[in-house]
Amino acid sequence: MPRADFDGNGLGDVFFRTADGHLYVSESGRPAYGPGDFFNERDHPEWNFYKDIIPIGDQSGDGLADFLTLSAQGRLDLVRSYSDNSANGVTWSGGGWQAYNKVFSPGDVNGDHKADLLARTPDGDLYLYLATGNLTSPFTPRTKLGSGWQRYDQLVGLSDNNGDGIGDLLARAPQGDLYFYAGTGDPTRPFRPPVLVGGGWNAYNQLAGGDDMTGDGTSDIVARTPGGALYVYQGDGHGNFTACTLDNRGFRWEQADLIATAGGNPAFGKPKILARDSRGVLYSYQALGNGQLAARHPEPRLYRCGTALSTLIGYVSDLAADGQPDTLSICGWGQLFGGSEGQNPMGSGGWDAYTVLTGPGDLTGDGKADLLARDKAGTLYLYRGDGSVDFPGLYPRIRIGAGWNAYDKILGAGDYTGDGRPDIVTRTPSGSLYLYEGTGTATAPFKARLQIGGGWQQYTQLAAIGDIDGDGKGDLLAANSRGDLYRYSTTGTGTFQPRVKLGSGWNTYHDLY
């Protein structure tokens, strides 16, 4: 059966989540969307806590599709589906999956009619986990398939495109070339050498799907443009696709912040920015997934210490593991407050020694978001997060090094290089922009700096937005003294695409975070 057939009609569905945490199924074979949320939110009210959702097909033999949820902290849960379309019953949980930047199912690779699992490390090693059919021990120990898979920025499990009943794989390179890996049925070498499908596939920010959505017996895919249009590519039974068809059923697909089976590395931690005006009033701007920002939203509850401009605040990637950015403030007596509303005490005192607080995500590889702090002397420290929900805590600081007062900006929110690890960028007062690529190691969290640009002194404000354009990679926003705001989308290779103007009037803000 298709991995994502949640309505039982034998066709693969598109399973997705919106920014408000709702899960939906777009049913194949129907002219319009169903009644909406097929999965009972009262059973699972916190879907936005998950970094990824992975349809895995029928693992129990009851004819119903099951799926996996992956938390930001690396916990993988097998969730059994029931006939009333509710998601209920976690039958297995396993930890340590934060070691991978991509976990996905290619379909059945060994011919036992169970969808199996693939996982890729940031360094490009690919591992296979065979399905067992046992809901309490669903996968065999991993087998390494090979290295070099970091050269692809999207991996899509295709199920069966060529009619042999064995799962296949699509892989896209950053420059847009798409390759087809046909399944062999042999789990020791499950894929044949790649065959080029064609170029230009970087026109899409996500490729997804991989099940038969049309009823012809071959796997199809969907492809989303940065503007939110969704195209269906019908499989031709030979590892390629027929001409695409626009999905015109009325949904704005940029609103899907997670499409199950999407090929890109999942983004998590900071889907919006915070802006503070000259009066100290705070507003948030949500990323829309199409390169644009939603209208501003006042944040009266944020920020415990009031609105005094002398109070340092930060808006950092999710420390509390609740799917929302955390607001940091340092009160007059040096106490640190954090959490999604900035109300929770995180440190008893001494935090007024710091001039910069930056939270790019998990810098240490343990699945928990961390914090960077620079003191007045220019020494940079790493505070490992403990991942506690609602009341996040920090472990004792680790000294990274001196000389960081050479920069007037230190910021980051996500991955700029395509390996799934968070990175940071820094700016000198003369306008040089540097990339510090993350290593995933607490004692040495960054590689040597790499200059990636100049002329950035033209901007009075810089902010790390996380993923604004839906490709799973972190981006930057920059505002000049005239109030013009620009987006710099990352290429996924450590550099940024040419800027795109988003609007004017941003000089009303004293700070962007």
Protein backbone atom coordinates (compact mmCIF):
# COMPACT_ATOMS: atom_id res chain seq x y z
CA MET A 1 0.00 0.00 0.00
CA PRO A 2 1.13 3.62 -0.37
CA ARG A 3 3.04 4.96 2.62
CA ALA A 4 0.64 7.88 3.04
CA ASP A 5 -2.79 6.45 2.25
CA PHE A 6 -4.69 7.79 5.24
CA ASP A 7 -8.21 7.64 3.79
CA GLY A 8 -8.04 4.01 2.66
CA ASN A 9 -8.72 4.53 -1.05
CA GLY A 10 -5.47 2.92 -2.18
CA LEU A 11 -3.90 6.21 -3.34
CA GLY A 12 -1.10 8.17 -1.75
CA ASP A 13 -2.13 11.39 0.00
CA VAL A 14 -0.20 14.58 0.73
CA PHE A 15 0.17 14.84 4.48
CA PHE A 16 1.15 18.28 5.78
CA ARG A 17 1.24 20.63 8.75
CA THR A 18 0.48 24.35 8.85
CA ALA A 19 2.33 26.91 10.98
CA ASP A 20 -0.36 26.78 13.67
CA GLY A 21 0.35 23.10 14.30
CA HIS A 22 -2.66 21.60 12.50
CA LEU A 23 -2.21 18.38 10.53
CA TYR A 24 -4.08 17.88 7.26
CA VAL A 25 -4.41 15.25 4.57
CA SER A 26 -4.94 16.35 0.99
CA GLU A 27 -6.72 13.31 -0.40
CA SER A 28 -5.70 11.98 -3.80
CA GLY A 29 -8.53 11.17 -6.16
CA ARG A 30 -10.88 13.83 -4.79
CA PRO A 31 -11.74 17.15 -6.42
CA ALA A 32 -11.24 19.19 -3.24
CA TYR A 33 -9.86 18.97 0.24
CA GLY A 34 -11.65 16.96 2.85
CA PRO A 35 -13.14 18.45 6.00
CA GLY A 36 -9.69 19.43 7.23
CA ASP A 37 -7.91 17.97 10.19
CA PHE A 38 -8.08 14.17 9.95
CA PHE A 39 -6.00 13.79 13.10
CA ASN A 40 -7.53 14.48 16.47
CA GLU A 41 -5.81 17.50 18.04
CA ARG A 42 -7.27 16.66 21.43
CA ASP A 43 -5.17 13.51 21.39
CA HIS A 44 -2.04 15.28 20.16
CA PRO A 45 -2.26 19.05 20.78
CA GLU A 46 1.42 19.80 20.14
CA TRP A 47 2.15 18.75 16.56
CA ASN A 48 4.36 21.80 16.05
CA PHE A 49 6.79 20.28 18.56
CA TYR A 50 7.90 17.82 15.88
CA LYS A 51 10.77 18.48 13.54
CA ASP A 52 9.51 16.01 10.95
CA ILE A 53 6.66 13.58 10.25
CA ILE A 54 7.43 10.49 8.17
CA PRO A 55 4.68 8.30 6.64
CA ILE A 56 5.77 4.67 6.88
CA GLY A 57 2.79 2.75 5.46
CA ASP A 58 1.15 -0.27 7.04
CA GLN A 59 3.57 -1.68 9.59
CA SER A 60 1.05 -3.74 11.56
CA GLY A 61 -0.78 -5.57 8.78
CA ASP A 62 -4.16 -4.00 9.55
CA GLY A 63 -4.35 -2.22 6.19
CA LEU A 64 -3.94 1.27 7.68
CA ALA A 65 -1.04 3.65 7.16
CA ASP A 66 1.17 4.42 10.15
CA PHE A 67 3.73 7.17 10.53
CA LEU A 68 6.77 8.31 12.49
CA THR A 69 7.25 11.58 14.34
CA LEU A 70 10.72 13.01 14.86
CA SER A 71 11.30 15.48 17.69
CA ALA A 72 13.96 18.18 17.56
CA GLN A 73 15.70 16.35 20.39
CA GLY A 74 16.05 13.20 18.32
CA ARG A 75 13.20 11.02 19.57
CA LEU A 76 11.53 8.93 16.88
CA ASP A 77 8.02 7.62 17.65
CA LEU A 78 6.00 5.09 15.67
CA VAL A 79 2.38 6.27 15.66
CA ARG A 80 -0.31 3.81 14.70
CA SER A 81 -3.31 5.08 12.72
CA TYR A 82 -6.86 3.92 13.30
CA SER A 83 -9.84 3.54 11.01
CA ASP A 84 -11.49 6.74 12.20
CA ASN A 85 -8.46 8.64 10.79
CA SER A 86 -7.29 9.59 14.27
CA ALA A 87 -3.64 9.38 15.25
CA ASN A 88 -3.52 7.42 18.46
CA GLY A 89 -1.12 4.95 19.98
CA VAL A 90 2.65 5.42 20.08
CA THR A 91 3.84 1.82 19.92
CA TRP A 92 7.62 2.44 19.94
CA SER A 93 10.06 5.24 20.73
CA GLY A 94 13.78 5.46 20.07
CA GLY A 95 16.37 8.13 20.82
CA GLY A 96 19.57 9.37 19.22
CA TRP A 97 18.08 10.24 15.82
CA GLN A 98 19.44 13.79 16.05
CA ALA A 99 22.61 12.21 14.63
CA TYR A 100 20.91 12.48 11.22
CA ASN A 101 19.94 15.53 9.19
CA LYS A 102 17.44 13.56 7.13
CA VAL A 103 15.26 10.56 8.05
CA PHE A 104 12.86 9.25 5.40
CA SER A 105 11.31 6.17 3.88
CA PRO A 106 12.07 5.01 0.32
CA GLY A 107 9.31 2.42 0.47
CA ASP A 108 9.96 -1.33 0.50
CA VAL A 109 13.60 -2.03 -0.42
CA ASN A 110 13.74 -5.81 0.21
CA GLY A 111 10.41 -7.10 -1.08
CA ASP A 112 8.68 -7.93 2.22
CA HIS A 113 5.86 -5.40 1.63
CA LYS A 114 6.99 -3.21 4.57
CA ALA A 115 8.27 0.32 4.04
CA ASP A 116 11.83 0.67 5.30
CA LEU A 117 13.79 3.66 6.59
CA LEU A 118 16.84 5.60 5.43
CA ALA A 119 18.84 8.10 7.50
CA ARG A 120 21.66 10.43 6.43
CA THR A 121 24.28 12.04 8.67
CA PRO A 122 25.48 15.64 8.19
CA ASP A 123 28.74 14.25 6.80
CA GLY A 124 26.88 12.31 4.10
CA ASP A 125 26.82 8.72 5.37
CA LEU A 126 23.59 6.90 4.45
CA TYR A 127 22.15 4.13 6.63
CA LEU A 128 19.35 1.62 6.07
CA TYR A 129 16.92 0.42 8.76
CA LEU A 130 14.81 -2.52 7.58
CA ALA A 131 11.24 -2.78 8.85
CA THR A 132 10.46 -5.83 10.97
CA GLY A 133 6.66 -5.70 11.12
CA ASN A 134 6.88 -5.66 14.92
CA LEU A 135 5.25 -2.49 16.26
CA THR A 136 7.26 -2.59 19.50
CA SER A 137 10.60 -3.18 17.75
CA PRO A 138 9.96 -1.88 14.25
CA PHE A 139 13.46 -1.69 12.72
CA THR A 140 16.58 -3.82 12.49
CA PRO A 141 19.98 -2.36 13.47
CA ARG A 142 21.29 0.04 10.87
CA THR A 143 23.44 -0.93 7.89
CA LYS A 144 25.73 1.61 6.26
CA LEU A 145 25.07 1.94 2.55
CA GLY A 146 27.77 4.41 1.62
CA SER A 147 29.15 7.92 1.85
CA GLY A 148 28.99 11.08 -0.24
CA TRP A 149 25.26 11.65 0.04
CA GLN A 150 25.83 15.18 1.37
CA ARG A 151 26.13 16.27 -2.25
CA TYR A 152 22.33 16.22 -2.46
CA ASP A 153 20.17 18.90 -0.86
CA GLN A 154 16.97 16.88 -1.26
CA LEU A 155 16.32 13.17 -0.89
CA VAL A 156 12.83 11.83 -1.68
CA GLY A 157 11.74 8.26 -1.12
CA LEU A 158 9.80 7.38 -4.25
CA SER A 159 8.21 4.01 -3.47
CA ASP A 160 7.97 2.18 -6.80
CA ASN A 161 8.29 4.21 -9.98
CA ASN A 162 9.46 1.52 -12.41
CA GLY A 163 6.93 -1.24 -11.69
CA ASP A 164 9.12 -3.87 -10.04
CA GLY A 165 7.53 -3.55 -6.59
CA ILE A 166 10.72 -2.27 -4.97
CA GLY A 167 11.25 1.17 -3.44
CA ASP A 168 13.17 3.76 -5.45
CA LEU A 169 14.86 7.02 -4.57
CA LEU A 170 15.15 10.55 -5.98
CA ALA A 171 18.09 12.82 -5.15
CA ARG A 172 18.50 16.48 -6.12
CA ALA A 173 21.77 18.38 -6.26
CA PRO A 174 21.76 22.08 -5.24
CA GLN A 175 22.30 23.22 -8.85
CA GLY A 176 19.01 21.53 -9.80
CA ASP A 177 19.99 18.17 -11.33
CA LEU A 178 17.61 15.37 -10.31
CA TYR A 179 18.73 11.73 -10.19
CA PHE A 180 16.77 8.47 -10.05
CA TYR A 181 18.10 5.55 -7.99
CA ALA A 182 16.24 2.37 -8.93
CA GLY A 183 15.75 -0.19 -6.17
CA THR A 184 17.39 -3.58 -6.54
CA GLY A 185 15.57 -5.61 -3.88
CA ASP A 186 18.91 -6.47 -2.28
CA PRO A 187 19.25 -4.73 1.12
CA THR A 188 23.05 -5.01 0.98
CA ARG A 189 23.09 -2.80 -2.14
CA PRO A 190 19.53 -1.51 -2.38
CA PHE A 191 19.98 1.02 -5.19
CA ARG A 192 21.41 0.93 -8.69
CA PRO A 193 23.73 3.71 -9.91
CA PRO A 194 21.97 7.06 -10.41
CA VAL A 195 20.37 8.04 -13.69
CA LEU A 196 19.91 11.73 -14.51
CA VAL A 197 16.24 12.69 -14.75
CA GLY A 198 16.96 16.26 -15.81
CA GLY A 199 17.97 19.73 -14.69
CA GLY A 200 16.14 22.79 -13.45
CA TRP A 201 14.54 21.13 -10.42
CA ASN A 202 15.91 23.87 -8.16
CA ALA A 203 12.91 25.87 -9.37
CA TYR A 204 11.14 24.13 -6.48
CA ASN A 205 11.82 24.61 -2.78
CA GLN A 206 10.43 21.17 -1.90
CA LEU A 207 9.96 17.90 -3.74
CA ALA A 208 7.64 15.48 -1.96
CA GLY A 209 5.21 12.62 -2.38
CA GLY A 210 6.53 9.46 -3.92
CA ASP A 211 3.40 7.32 -3.78
CA ASP A 212 0.89 6.45 -6.50
CA MET A 213 -1.54 9.36 -6.40
CA THR A 214 -3.25 8.74 -9.76
CA GLY A 215 -4.08 5.02 -9.66
CA ASP A 216 -1.86 3.91 -12.56
CA GLY A 217 0.44 1.81 -10.36
CA THR A 218 3.53 4.03 -10.55
CA SER A 219 4.78 6.53 -8.01
CA ASP A 220 4.28 10.25 -8.48
CA ILE A 221 5.74 13.32 -6.80
CA VAL A 222 4.62 16.83 -5.98
CA ALA A 223 6.84 19.89 -6.34
CA ARG A 224 6.27 23.25 -4.64
CA THR A 225 7.51 26.57 -5.97
CA PRO A 226 8.77 29.31 -3.63
CA GLY A 227 5.55 31.17 -4.42
CA GLY A 228 3.42 28.30 -3.10
CA ALA A 229 2.19 26.68 -6.32
CA LEU A 230 2.08 22.88 -6.17
CA TYR A 231 2.67 20.73 -9.26
CA VAL A 232 1.99 17.01 -9.61
CA TYR A 233 4.45 14.99 -11.70
CA GLN A 234 2.99 11.65 -12.76
CA GLY A 235 5.43 8.73 -12.85
CA ASP A 236 5.99 7.13 -16.25
CA GLY A 237 6.97 3.68 -14.96
CA HIS A 238 10.58 4.05 -16.11
CA GLY A 239 12.13 6.28 -13.47
CA ASN A 240 10.93 9.52 -15.02
CA PHE A 241 7.83 11.69 -15.06
CA THR A 242 5.27 12.97 -17.49
CA ALA A 243 4.42 16.65 -17.85
CA CYS A 244 3.37 18.31 -14.63
CA THR A 245 -0.14 19.37 -13.65
CA LEU A 246 -0.91 22.35 -11.43
CA ASP A 247 -2.85 21.53 -8.27
CA ASN A 248 -5.64 24.11 -8.40
CA ARG A 249 -7.83 23.00 -5.49
CA GLY A 250 -7.48 26.28 -3.63
CA PHE A 251 -4.92 25.71 -0.88
CA ARG A 252 -1.98 28.13 -0.61
CA TRP A 253 0.82 25.62 -0.30
CA GLU A 254 3.34 28.06 1.13
CA GLN A 255 1.27 27.78 4.32
CA ALA A 256 2.45 24.19 4.74
CA ASP A 257 5.48 24.59 6.97
CA LEU A 258 6.07 20.83 6.83
CA ILE A 259 5.13 18.44 4.02
CA ALA A 260 5.58 14.83 5.05
CA THR A 261 7.95 13.06 2.59
CA ALA A 262 9.47 16.42 1.55
CA GLY A 263 13.06 16.02 0.38
CA GLY A 264 14.77 18.94 2.12
CA ASN A 265 16.28 18.85 5.59
CA PRO A 266 13.52 19.92 8.01
CA ALA A 267 13.82 23.39 9.55
CA PHE A 268 12.99 23.95 13.19
CA GLY A 269 13.39 26.63 15.82
CA LYS A 270 12.72 30.16 14.59
CA PRO A 271 10.02 30.79 11.98
CA LYS A 272 9.68 34.52 12.73
CA ILE A 273 11.49 37.66 13.88
CA LEU A 274 10.88 40.23 16.59
CA ALA A 275 10.96 43.99 16.00
CA ARG A 276 11.16 46.70 18.70
CA ASP A 277 10.22 50.30 17.87
CA SER A 278 11.61 53.50 19.35
CA ARG A 279 9.07 53.37 22.20
CA GLY A 280 10.12 49.84 23.10
CA VAL A 281 6.93 48.22 21.78
CA LEU A 282 7.48 44.72 20.40
CA TYR A 283 6.02 43.12 17.28
CA SER A 284 6.55 39.73 15.68
CA TYR A 285 6.59 38.89 11.97
CA GLN A 286 5.86 35.31 10.89
CA ALA A 287 7.67 33.82 7.90
CA LEU A 288 5.15 32.74 5.27
CA GLY A 289 7.29 30.15 3.52
CA ASN A 290 7.24 32.02 0.21
CA GLY A 291 9.97 34.57 0.97
CA GLN A 292 7.55 37.07 2.50
CA LEU A 293 6.48 38.07 6.00
CA ALA A 294 2.99 38.13 7.43
CA ALA A 295 1.57 41.36 8.82
CA ARG A 296 3.05 42.32 12.15
CA HIS A 297 1.55 41.03 15.36
CA PRO A 298 1.84 42.95 18.65
CA GLU A 299 3.53 41.02 21.44
CA PRO A 300 2.28 42.65 24.66
CA ARG A 301 2.97 39.58 26.81
CA LEU A 302 6.60 39.18 25.82
CA TYR A 303 9.57 40.60 27.62
CA ARG A 304 9.39 40.52 31.41
CA CYS A 305 11.71 43.46 32.11
CA GLY A 306 9.59 46.10 30.44
CA THR A 307 10.41 48.14 27.37
CA ALA A 308 13.45 50.14 28.43
CA LEU A 309 15.79 50.40 25.46
CA SER A 310 18.77 49.73 27.70
CA THR A 311 17.55 46.21 28.42
CA LEU A 312 19.19 43.59 26.25
CA ILE A 313 16.87 41.09 24.61
CA GLY A 314 17.35 38.24 22.16
CA TYR A 315 14.95 36.27 20.02
CA VAL A 316 16.53 32.86 19.63
CA SER A 317 15.85 29.45 18.15
CA ASP A 318 13.60 27.23 20.21
CA LEU A 319 15.26 26.56 23.58
CA ALA A 320 12.07 25.19 25.13
CA ALA A 321 11.39 22.56 22.43
CA ASP A 322 7.84 23.82 21.90
CA GLY A 323 8.23 24.85 18.27
CA GLN A 324 8.37 28.57 19.08
CA PRO A 325 11.28 31.02 19.34
CA ASP A 326 12.29 32.10 22.83
CA THR A 327 12.49 35.70 23.97
CA LEU A 328 15.44 36.52 26.22
CA SER A 329 15.70 39.55 28.48
CA ILE A 330 18.23 40.62 31.09
CA CYS A 331 16.76 42.57 33.95
CA GLY A 332 18.52 45.37 35.79
CA TRP A 333 19.94 43.03 38.41
CA GLY A 334 21.44 40.75 35.72
CA GLN A 335 18.89 37.96 35.84
CA LEU A 336 18.08 36.15 32.59
CA PHE A 337 14.48 35.41 31.61
CA GLY A 338 13.41 33.29 28.66
CA GLY A 339 10.73 31.04 27.21
CA SER A 340 8.30 31.61 24.36
CA GLU A 341 6.80 34.58 26.24
CA GLY A 342 9.99 35.69 27.99
CA GLN A 343 8.54 35.01 31.43
CA ASN A 344 10.62 32.13 32.79
CA PRO A 345 13.76 32.62 34.91
CA MET A 346 16.81 31.01 33.31
CA GLY A 347 19.77 32.47 35.19
CA SER A 348 20.16 33.97 38.65
CA GLY A 349 22.51 36.86 37.90
CA GLY A 350 25.57 38.13 36.08
CA TRP A 351 24.04 38.12 32.63
CA ASP A 352 24.49 41.88 32.32
CA ALA A 353 28.15 41.09 31.59
CA TYR A 354 27.09 40.09 28.07
CA THR A 355 26.61 42.38 25.08
CA VAL A 356 25.28 39.75 22.64
CA LEU A 357 23.00 36.75 23.04
CA THR A 358 22.50 34.51 19.98
CA GLY A 359 20.66 31.20 19.70
CA PRO A 360 21.21 29.54 16.30
CA GLY A 361 19.95 26.10 17.33
CA ASP A 362 21.62 22.85 18.39
CA LEU A 363 25.36 23.51 18.26
CA THR A 364 26.46 20.39 20.13
CA GLY A 365 24.66 17.55 18.37
CA ASP A 366 22.51 16.47 21.31
CA GLY A 367 19.25 17.65 19.76
CA LYS A 368 18.81 20.54 22.21
CA ALA A 369 19.09 24.20 21.26
CA ASP A 370 22.00 26.15 22.71
CA LEU A 371 22.89 29.76 23.44
CA LEU A 372 25.93 31.91 22.58
CA ALA A 373 26.91 34.86 24.78
CA ARG A 374 29.67 37.44 24.18
CA ASP A 375 30.96 39.46 27.11
CA LYS A 376 32.22 43.04 27.12
CA ALA A 377 35.82 41.89 26.70
CA GLY A 378 34.94 40.03 23.49
CA THR A 379 35.05 36.47 24.81
CA LEU A 380 32.41 34.16 23.37
CA TYR A 381 30.82 31.42 25.48
CA LEU A 382 28.55 28.49 24.70
CA TYR A 383 25.69 27.61 27.04
CA ARG A 384 24.28 24.18 26.27
CA GLY A 385 20.50 24.01 26.59
CA ASP A 386 18.88 21.24 28.61
CA GLY A 387 15.82 21.06 26.35
CA SER A 388 13.29 21.42 29.13
CA VAL A 389 9.84 22.35 27.87
CA ASP A 390 8.36 25.58 29.29
CA PHE A 391 11.25 26.17 31.69
CA PRO A 392 14.42 25.76 29.64
CA GLY A 393 17.66 25.59 31.57
CA LEU A 394 21.30 26.07 30.66
CA TYR A 395 24.37 24.09 31.61
CA PRO A 396 27.58 25.87 32.76
CA ARG A 397 29.24 27.88 30.06
CA ILE A 398 32.04 26.65 27.77
CA ARG A 399 34.61 29.18 26.58
CA ILE A 400 34.87 29.31 22.79
CA GLY A 401 37.48 32.03 22.42
CA ALA A 402 38.45 35.69 22.54
CA GLY A 403 38.41 38.44 19.93
CA TRP A 404 34.72 38.31 19.11
CA ASN A 405 34.33 42.04 19.80
CA ALA A 406 35.74 42.45 16.29
CA TYR A 407 32.13 41.99 15.21
CA ASP A 408 29.19 44.30 15.65
CA LYS A 409 26.75 41.52 14.69
CA ILE A 410 26.75 37.83 15.63
CA LEU A 411 23.61 36.05 14.48
CA GLY A 412 22.17 32.83 13.21
CA ALA A 413 18.98 30.76 13.07
CA GLY A 414 19.43 27.48 11.30
CA ASP A 415 21.58 25.96 8.61
CA TYR A 416 23.35 28.00 5.90
CA THR A 417 25.52 25.25 4.42
CA GLY A 418 23.06 22.43 3.72
CA ASP A 419 24.36 19.88 6.24
CA GLY A 420 21.54 20.36 8.73
CA ARG A 421 23.79 21.78 11.44
CA PRO A 422 23.20 25.38 12.56
CA ASP A 423 25.77 27.98 11.60
CA ILE A 424 26.35 31.64 12.45
CA VAL A 425 27.35 34.72 10.49
CA THR A 426 29.21 37.74 11.82
CA ARG A 427 29.72 41.27 10.54
CA THR A 428 32.60 43.66 11.15
CA PRO A 429 31.95 47.41 11.47
CA SER A 430 33.58 47.83 8.05
CA GLY A 431 30.96 45.56 6.49
CA SER A 432 32.74 42.22 6.02
CA LEU A 433 30.45 39.23 6.47
CA TYR A 434 31.86 35.94 7.74
CA LEU A 435 30.43 32.44 7.98
CA TYR A 436 31.23 30.18 10.91
CA GLU A 437 30.11 26.70 9.92
CA GLY A 438 28.80 24.53 12.75
CA THR A 439 30.55 21.28 13.63
CA GLY A 440 28.12 19.73 16.11
CA THR A 441 30.86 19.53 18.77
CA ALA A 442 30.55 21.40 22.08
CA THR A 443 34.28 21.96 22.63
CA ALA A 444 34.85 23.34 19.13
CA PRO A 445 31.43 24.29 17.75
CA PHE A 446 32.66 26.17 14.65
CA LYS A 447 35.08 25.69 11.82
CA ALA A 448 37.47 28.49 10.86
CA ARG A 449 35.67 31.56 9.59
CA LEU A 450 35.10 32.12 5.88
CA GLN A 451 34.49 35.56 4.40
CA ILE A 452 31.36 35.45 2.26
CA GLY A 453 30.70 39.10 1.47
CA GLY A 454 31.46 42.77 1.84
CA GLY A 455 29.53 46.03 1.93
CA TRP A 456 27.17 44.93 4.68
CA GLN A 457 27.86 48.12 6.66
CA GLN A 458 25.10 49.70 4.55
CA TYR A 459 22.58 47.97 6.84
CA THR A 460 21.63 49.34 10.22
CA GLN A 461 19.79 46.15 11.19
CA LEU A 462 20.39 42.47 10.52
CA ALA A 463 18.19 39.60 11.69
CA ALA A 464 18.34 35.83 11.31
CA ILE A 465 14.83 34.73 10.36
CA GLY A 466 15.29 30.99 10.09
CA ASP A 467 13.60 29.65 6.96
CA ILE A 468 11.49 32.31 5.23
CA ASP A 469 11.29 30.72 1.76
CA GLY A 470 10.30 27.14 2.53
CA ASP A 471 13.46 25.28 1.52
CA GLY A 472 14.46 24.27 5.05
CA LYS A 473 17.54 26.47 5.23
CA GLY A 474 18.18 29.61 7.27
CA ASP A 475 17.95 33.07 5.69
CA LEU A 476 18.82 36.67 6.62
CA LEU A 477 16.93 39.96 6.71
CA ALA A 478 18.65 43.33 6.42
CA ALA A 479 17.29 46.88 6.81
CA ASN A 480 19.05 50.12 5.88
CA SER A 481 18.72 53.60 7.36
CA ARG A 482 16.05 54.53 4.79
CA GLY A 483 13.87 51.73 6.14
CA ASP A 484 14.15 49.37 3.17
CA LEU A 485 14.02 45.70 4.18
CA TYR A 486 15.72 43.01 2.10
CA ARG A 487 15.71 39.24 2.14
CA TYR A 488 18.89 37.26 1.58
CA SER A 489 17.98 33.63 0.91
CA THR A 490 20.74 31.14 1.42
CA THR A 491 22.04 29.02 -1.44
CA GLY A 492 22.58 26.11 0.93
CA THR A 493 26.30 26.20 0.24
CA GLY A 494 27.31 28.88 2.76
CA THR A 495 26.55 31.92 0.62
CA PHE A 496 23.44 34.01 -0.06
CA GLN A 497 21.44 34.72 -3.17
CA PRO A 498 21.03 38.30 -4.44
CA ARG A 499 18.84 40.38 -2.19
CA VAL A 500 15.10 40.83 -2.70
CA LYS A 501 13.30 43.90 -1.36
CA LEU A 502 10.42 43.07 0.98
CA GLY A 503 9.19 46.50 1.97
CA SER A 504 9.84 49.98 3.35
CA GLY A 505 9.26 51.80 6.61
CA TRP A 506 11.39 49.50 8.73
CA ASN A 507 13.38 52.44 10.13
CA THR A 508 10.56 52.79 12.64
CA TYR A 509 12.25 49.95 14.51
CA HIS A 510 15.12 50.39 16.90
CA ASP A 511 16.07 46.68 16.81
CA LEU A 512 15.36 43.54 14.82
CA TYR A 513 15.88 40.11 16.39
